[in-house]
Amino acid sequence: MKKNFMIAIRMTVVTTLLLGIGYPLVATGLAQFLFPNQANGGLITVNGKIVGSHLIGQPFSSPGYFRSRPSAAGNGYDAANSGGSNLGPTNKLLVDRITGDVQKAEAENPSAPVPMDLITTSGSGLDPHISPEAADFQAPRIAHERNMTEAAVRALIANHTEDRQLGFLGEPRVNVLELNLDLDATHPMH
């Protein structure tokens, strides 16, 4: 019995050291070496100051900025509360929120259909991207607020449109933070 107990203790210590300390250190080291940007959260710095991450969305409410997808994560883009709302399609709270978002979007651009990703949340609630159609929908407002032509706004959108990964995974997308940072750099608001 004592021999079995000692074997169990040694196995616990060895597996704890190997899997609880060794493996995480090796995995972290490899991630830092092979994918340093992603391993460090994809942070974006401007003038030495961290302004966000290209991996996690953030809210923009000023009319001079492109808006992200709505977020169901906590109070909005709260990584500690990542997740969808889990509200069913007939839930009154969800229906009311979407109806209100559609009305706001239609008031902003009544001549175009509202893209779905401007009124629906992503599964994580932290999606940093919108579709090129959602960015294009916002172009008239941005052009007006920044005293730009719509063609210049659409050219910025085109410059920030990422293709499908590996040519077939996902959909074309636009990173909202990166687009807004470029907008500030090239056409600052006065």
C-alpha atoms as a PDB file:
ATOM      1  CA  MET A   1       0.000   0.000   0.000  1.00  0.00           C
ATOM      2  CA  LYS A   2       2.830   2.384   0.914  1.00  0.00           C
ATOM      3  CA  LYS A   3       4.601   1.565  -2.376  1.00  0.00           C
ATOM      4  CA  ASN A   4       1.446   2.370  -4.427  1.00  0.00           C
ATOM      5  CA  PHE A   5       0.951   5.593  -2.485  1.00  0.00           C
ATOM      6  CA  MET A   6       4.543   6.731  -3.219  1.00  0.00           C
ATOM      7  CA  ILE A   7       4.147   5.885  -6.921  1.00  0.00           C
ATOM      8  CA  ALA A   8       0.947   7.933  -7.025  1.00  0.00           C
ATOM      9  CA  ILE A   9       2.674  10.899  -5.324  1.00  0.00           C
ATOM     10  CA  ARG A  10       5.636  10.765  -7.749  1.00  0.00           C
ATOM     11  CA  MET A  11       3.326  10.513 -10.780  1.00  0.00           C
ATOM     12  CA  THR A  12       1.345  13.501  -9.532  1.00  0.00           C
ATOM     13  CA  VAL A  13       4.516  15.579  -9.094  1.00  0.00           C
ATOM     14  CA  VAL A  14       5.963  14.517 -12.474  1.00  0.00           C
ATOM     15  CA  THR A  15       2.742  15.133 -14.429  1.00  0.00           C
ATOM     16  CA  THR A  16       2.218  18.461 -12.653  1.00  0.00           C
ATOM     17  CA  LEU A  17       5.725  19.607 -13.555  1.00  0.00           C
ATOM     18  CA  LEU A  18       5.504  18.255 -17.081  1.00  0.00           C
ATOM     19  CA  LEU A  19       1.947  19.253 -18.012  1.00  0.00           C
ATOM     20  CA  GLY A  20       1.339  22.128 -15.613  1.00  0.00           C
ATOM     21  CA  ILE A  21       4.640  23.955 -16.041  1.00  0.00           C
ATOM     22  CA  GLY A  22       6.701  22.450 -18.874  1.00  0.00           C
ATOM     23  CA  TYR A  23       4.043  22.225 -21.566  1.00  0.00           C
ATOM     24  CA  PRO A  24       2.668  25.778 -21.013  1.00  0.00           C
ATOM     25  CA  LEU A  25       6.200  27.224 -21.084  1.00  0.00           C
ATOM     26  CA  VAL A  26       7.046  25.401 -24.326  1.00  0.00           C
ATOM     27  CA  ALA A  27       3.721  26.364 -25.948  1.00  0.00           C
ATOM     28  CA  THR A  28       4.128  30.010 -24.891  1.00  0.00           C
ATOM     29  CA  GLY A  29       7.725  30.075 -26.101  1.00  0.00           C
ATOM     30  CA  LEU A  30       6.786  28.610 -29.490  1.00  0.00           C
ATOM     31  CA  ALA A  31       3.895  31.063 -29.838  1.00  0.00           C
ATOM     32  CA  GLN A  32       6.189  33.995 -29.024  1.00  0.00           C
ATOM     33  CA  PHE A  33       8.754  32.765 -31.553  1.00  0.00           C
ATOM     34  CA  LEU A  34       6.402  31.740 -34.413  1.00  0.00           C
ATOM     35  CA  PHE A  35       3.471  34.164 -33.967  1.00  0.00           C
ATOM     36  CA  PRO A  36       4.601  37.057 -31.727  1.00  0.00           C
ATOM     37  CA  ASN A  37       1.899  39.515 -32.831  1.00  0.00           C
ATOM     38  CA  GLN A  38      -0.978  37.104 -32.189  1.00  0.00           C
ATOM     39  CA  ALA A  39       0.570  35.765 -28.974  1.00  0.00           C
ATOM     40  CA  ASN A  40       0.678  39.287 -27.589  1.00  0.00           C
ATOM     41  CA  GLY A  41      -2.938  40.057 -28.451  1.00  0.00           C
ATOM     42  CA  GLY A  42      -2.499  41.781 -31.815  1.00  0.00           C
ATOM     43  CA  LEU A  43      -2.065  45.138 -30.121  1.00  0.00           C
ATOM     44  CA  ILE A  44      -2.115  48.284 -32.257  1.00  0.00           C
ATOM     45  CA  THR A  45      -0.002  51.227 -31.128  1.00  0.00           C
ATOM     46  CA  VAL A  46      -0.169  54.800 -32.361  1.00  0.00           C
ATOM     47  CA  ASN A  47       2.575  57.210 -31.286  1.00  0.00           C
ATOM     48  CA  GLY A  48       3.755  54.715 -28.661  1.00  0.00           C
ATOM     49  CA  LYS A  49       0.291  54.366 -27.094  1.00  0.00           C
ATOM     50  CA  ILE A  50      -1.780  51.169 -27.293  1.00  0.00           C
ATOM     51  CA  VAL A  51      -5.119  52.077 -28.900  1.00  0.00           C
ATOM     52  CA  GLY A  52      -6.642  48.618 -29.271  1.00  0.00           C
ATOM     53  CA  SER A  53      -6.260  45.197 -30.797  1.00  0.00           C
ATOM     54  CA  HIS A  54      -6.961  44.091 -34.320  1.00  0.00           C
ATOM     55  CA  LEU A  55      -8.321  40.848 -32.815  1.00  0.00           C
ATOM     56  CA  ILE A  56     -10.996  42.327 -30.509  1.00  0.00           C
ATOM     57  CA  GLY A  57     -13.656  44.826 -31.538  1.00  0.00           C
ATOM     58  CA  GLN A  58     -14.455  48.021 -29.737  1.00  0.00           C
ATOM     59  CA  PRO A  59     -17.368  50.438 -29.863  1.00  0.00           C
ATOM     60  CA  PHE A  60     -17.366  53.648 -31.895  1.00  0.00           C
ATOM     61  CA  SER A  61     -20.270  56.027 -31.371  1.00  0.00           C
ATOM     62  CA  SER A  62     -19.119  59.305 -32.944  1.00  0.00           C
ATOM     63  CA  PRO A  63     -20.766  59.954 -36.325  1.00  0.00           C
ATOM     64  CA  GLY A  64     -17.330  60.535 -37.877  1.00  0.00           C
ATOM     65  CA  TYR A  65     -16.269  56.921 -37.333  1.00  0.00           C
ATOM     66  CA  PHE A  66     -17.268  53.594 -38.799  1.00  0.00           C
ATOM     67  CA  ARG A  67     -19.308  51.599 -36.306  1.00  0.00           C
ATOM     68  CA  SER A  68     -18.657  48.013 -35.350  1.00  0.00           C
ATOM     69  CA  ARG A  69     -21.160  45.200 -35.017  1.00  0.00           C
ATOM     70  CA  PRO A  70     -23.361  45.378 -31.936  1.00  0.00           C
ATOM     71  CA  SER A  71     -21.884  43.446 -29.007  1.00  0.00           C
ATOM     72  CA  ALA A  72     -23.662  41.162 -26.558  1.00  0.00           C
ATOM     73  CA  ALA A  73     -20.513  40.818 -24.421  1.00  0.00           C
ATOM     74  CA  GLY A  74     -21.255  42.446 -21.084  1.00  0.00           C
ATOM     75  CA  ASN A  75     -21.527  46.208 -21.489  1.00  0.00           C
ATOM     76  CA  GLY A  76     -20.165  45.873 -24.997  1.00  0.00           C
ATOM     77  CA  TYR A  77     -16.858  44.373 -26.099  1.00  0.00           C
ATOM     78  CA  ASP A  78     -16.099  43.162 -22.582  1.00  0.00           C
ATOM     79  CA  ALA A  79     -13.699  40.252 -23.107  1.00  0.00           C
ATOM     80  CA  ALA A  80     -14.468  38.902 -19.624  1.00  0.00           C
ATOM     81  CA  ASN A  81     -18.093  38.401 -20.717  1.00  0.00           C
ATOM     82  CA  SER A  82     -17.521  37.105 -24.225  1.00  0.00           C
ATOM     83  CA  GLY A  83     -20.476  35.331 -25.724  1.00  0.00           C
ATOM     84  CA  GLY A  84     -23.729  35.776 -27.541  1.00  0.00           C
ATOM     85  CA  SER A  85     -26.942  36.947 -25.936  1.00  0.00           C
ATOM     86  CA  ASN A  86     -28.563  33.479 -26.176  1.00  0.00           C
ATOM     87  CA  LEU A  87     -31.875  35.187 -26.915  1.00  0.00           C
ATOM     88  CA  GLY A  88     -34.169  33.255 -29.232  1.00  0.00           C
ATOM     89  CA  PRO A  89     -35.538  34.775 -32.447  1.00  0.00           C
ATOM     90  CA  THR A  90     -38.930  35.438 -30.848  1.00  0.00           C
ATOM     91  CA  ASN A  91     -37.563  36.973 -27.637  1.00  0.00           C
ATOM     92  CA  LYS A  92     -39.068  40.459 -27.173  1.00  0.00           C
ATOM     93  CA  LEU A  93     -35.767  41.962 -25.953  1.00  0.00           C
ATOM     94  CA  LEU A  94     -33.964  40.787 -29.091  1.00  0.00           C
ATOM     95  CA  VAL A  95     -36.779  41.831 -31.426  1.00  0.00           C
ATOM     96  CA  ASP A  96     -36.970  45.287 -29.813  1.00  0.00           C
ATOM     97  CA  ARG A  97     -33.198  45.811 -29.980  1.00  0.00           C
ATOM     98  CA  ILE A  98     -32.987  44.769 -33.619  1.00  0.00           C
ATOM     99  CA  THR A  99     -36.041  46.866 -34.548  1.00  0.00           C
ATOM    100  CA  GLY A 100     -34.471  49.905 -32.900  1.00  0.00           C
ATOM    101  CA  ASP A 101     -31.118  49.302 -34.595  1.00  0.00           C
ATOM    102  CA  VAL A 102     -32.803  48.929 -37.997  1.00  0.00           C
ATOM    103  CA  GLN A 103     -34.722  52.195 -37.490  1.00  0.00           C
ATOM    104  CA  LYS A 104     -31.513  54.065 -36.540  1.00  0.00           C
ATOM    105  CA  ALA A 105     -29.652  52.638 -39.530  1.00  0.00           C
ATOM    106  CA  GLU A 106     -32.501  53.402 -41.952  1.00  0.00           C
ATOM    107  CA  ALA A 107     -32.621  56.998 -40.686  1.00  0.00           C
ATOM    108  CA  GLU A 108     -28.896  57.287 -41.365  1.00  0.00           C
ATOM    109  CA  ASN A 109     -29.042  55.869 -44.897  1.00  0.00           C
ATOM    110  CA  PRO A 110     -32.663  55.457 -46.077  1.00  0.00           C
ATOM    111  CA  SER A 111     -31.768  54.629 -49.678  1.00  0.00           C
ATOM    112  CA  ALA A 112     -29.887  51.378 -48.953  1.00  0.00           C
ATOM    113  CA  PRO A 113     -30.850  48.065 -47.346  1.00  0.00           C
ATOM    114  CA  VAL A 114     -29.358  47.626 -43.866  1.00  0.00           C
ATOM    115  CA  PRO A 115     -26.606  44.975 -43.804  1.00  0.00           C
ATOM    116  CA  MET A 116     -27.279  42.214 -41.278  1.00  0.00           C
ATOM    117  CA  ASP A 117     -23.960  42.576 -39.488  1.00  0.00           C
ATOM    118  CA  LEU A 118     -24.849  46.145 -38.422  1.00  0.00           C
ATOM    119  CA  ILE A 119     -27.851  44.882 -36.461  1.00  0.00           C
ATOM    120  CA  THR A 120     -26.850  41.382 -35.307  1.00  0.00           C
ATOM    121  CA  THR A 121     -24.181  40.427 -32.783  1.00  0.00           C
ATOM    122  CA  SER A 122     -21.463  37.885 -33.428  1.00  0.00           C
ATOM    123  CA  GLY A 123     -21.180  34.639 -31.467  1.00  0.00           C
ATOM    124  CA  SER A 124     -18.384  36.020 -29.278  1.00  0.00           C
ATOM    125  CA  GLY A 125     -19.656  39.592 -29.077  1.00  0.00           C
ATOM    126  CA  LEU A 126     -16.064  40.704 -29.753  1.00  0.00           C
ATOM    127  CA  ASP A 127     -15.884  40.621 -33.558  1.00  0.00           C
ATOM    128  CA  PRO A 128     -13.517  43.362 -34.820  1.00  0.00           C
ATOM    129  CA  HIS A 129     -14.747  43.104 -38.417  1.00  0.00           C
ATOM    130  CA  ILE A 130     -17.729  44.163 -40.465  1.00  0.00           C
ATOM    131  CA  SER A 131     -18.571  43.205 -44.022  1.00  0.00           C
ATOM    132  CA  PRO A 132     -17.519  45.485 -46.878  1.00  0.00           C
ATOM    133  CA  GLU A 133     -21.258  46.056 -47.438  1.00  0.00           C
ATOM    134  CA  ALA A 134     -21.675  47.284 -43.851  1.00  0.00           C
ATOM    135  CA  ALA A 135     -18.732  49.654 -44.289  1.00  0.00           C
ATOM    136  CA  ASP A 136     -20.108  50.870 -47.623  1.00  0.00           C
ATOM    137  CA  PHE A 137     -23.513  51.475 -45.986  1.00  0.00           C
ATOM    138  CA  GLN A 138     -21.805  53.902 -43.590  1.00  0.00           C
ATOM    139  CA  ALA A 139     -19.825  55.724 -46.314  1.00  0.00           C
ATOM    140  CA  PRO A 140     -22.307  58.609 -46.850  1.00  0.00           C
ATOM    141  CA  ARG A 141     -22.297  59.483 -43.131  1.00  0.00           C
ATOM    142  CA  ILE A 142     -18.498  59.334 -42.921  1.00  0.00           C
ATOM    143  CA  ALA A 143     -18.106  61.440 -46.081  1.00  0.00           C
ATOM    144  CA  HIS A 144     -20.459  64.067 -44.693  1.00  0.00           C
ATOM    145  CA  GLU A 145     -18.861  64.176 -41.234  1.00  0.00           C
ATOM    146  CA  ARG A 146     -15.285  64.286 -42.556  1.00  0.00           C
ATOM    147  CA  ASN A 147     -15.896  66.577 -45.566  1.00  0.00           C
ATOM    148  CA  MET A 148     -14.767  63.849 -47.961  1.00  0.00           C
ATOM    149  CA  THR A 149     -16.193  62.485 -51.154  1.00  0.00           C
ATOM    150  CA  GLU A 150     -17.957  59.151 -50.941  1.00  0.00           C
ATOM    151  CA  ALA A 151     -15.494  57.870 -53.529  1.00  0.00           C
ATOM    152  CA  ALA A 152     -12.578  58.682 -51.189  1.00  0.00           C
ATOM    153  CA  VAL A 153     -14.321  56.875 -48.321  1.00  0.00           C
ATOM    154  CA  ARG A 154     -14.996  53.854 -50.522  1.00  0.00           C
ATOM    155  CA  ALA A 155     -11.337  53.829 -51.611  1.00  0.00           C
ATOM    156  CA  LEU A 156     -10.302  53.611 -47.926  1.00  0.00           C
ATOM    157  CA  ILE A 157     -12.795  50.780 -47.423  1.00  0.00           C
ATOM    158  CA  ALA A 158     -11.354  48.942 -50.432  1.00  0.00           C
ATOM    159  CA  ASN A 159      -7.810  49.381 -49.050  1.00  0.00           C
ATOM    160  CA  HIS A 160      -8.879  47.778 -45.775  1.00  0.00           C
ATOM    161  CA  THR A 161     -10.977  44.942 -47.195  1.00  0.00           C
ATOM    162  CA  GLU A 162      -9.370  41.588 -46.384  1.00  0.00           C
ATOM    163  CA  ASP A 163     -10.084  38.636 -48.667  1.00  0.00           C
ATOM    164  CA  ARG A 164     -11.158  35.185 -47.548  1.00  0.00           C
ATOM    165  CA  GLN A 165      -8.470  33.332 -45.633  1.00  0.00           C
ATOM    166  CA  LEU A 166      -6.607  30.916 -47.910  1.00  0.00           C
ATOM    167  CA  GLY A 167      -8.971  32.014 -50.669  1.00  0.00           C
ATOM    168  CA  PHE A 168     -11.972  30.014 -49.411  1.00  0.00           C
ATOM    169  CA  LEU A 169     -12.398  30.369 -45.630  1.00  0.00           C
ATOM    170  CA  GLY A 170     -14.802  32.948 -44.246  1.00  0.00           C
ATOM    171  CA  GLU A 171     -16.023  36.060 -45.997  1.00  0.00           C
ATOM    172  CA  PRO A 172     -14.358  39.307 -47.071  1.00  0.00           C
ATOM    173  CA  ARG A 173     -14.147  41.644 -44.083  1.00  0.00           C
ATOM    174  CA  VAL A 174     -13.029  45.072 -42.905  1.00  0.00           C
ATOM    175  CA  ASN A 175     -11.304  45.664 -39.559  1.00  0.00           C
ATOM    176  CA  VAL A 176     -13.163  48.646 -38.069  1.00  0.00           C
ATOM    177  CA  LEU A 177     -10.385  49.881 -35.769  1.00  0.00           C
ATOM    178  CA  GLU A 178      -7.750  49.793 -38.505  1.00  0.00           C
ATOM    179  CA  LEU A 179     -10.114  51.578 -40.919  1.00  0.00           C
ATOM    180  CA  ASN A 180     -10.920  54.286 -38.350  1.00  0.00           C
ATOM    181  CA  LEU A 181      -7.230  54.782 -37.533  1.00  0.00           C
ATOM    182  CA  ASP A 182      -6.465  55.231 -41.230  1.00  0.00           C
ATOM    183  CA  LEU A 183      -9.396  57.629 -41.492  1.00  0.00           C
ATOM    184  CA  ASP A 184      -7.946  59.711 -38.633  1.00  0.00           C
ATOM    185  CA  ALA A 185      -4.480  59.671 -40.211  1.00  0.00           C
ATOM    186  CA  THR A 186      -5.598  60.650 -43.711  1.00  0.00           C
ATOM    187  CA  HIS A 187      -8.707  62.778 -43.048  1.00  0.00           C
ATOM    188  CA  PRO A 188      -8.716  64.008 -39.430  1.00  0.00           C
ATOM    189  CA  MET A 189     -11.906  65.513 -38.064  1.00  0.00           C
ATOM    190  CA  HIS A 190     -11.726  69.234 -37.404  1.00  0.00           C
END
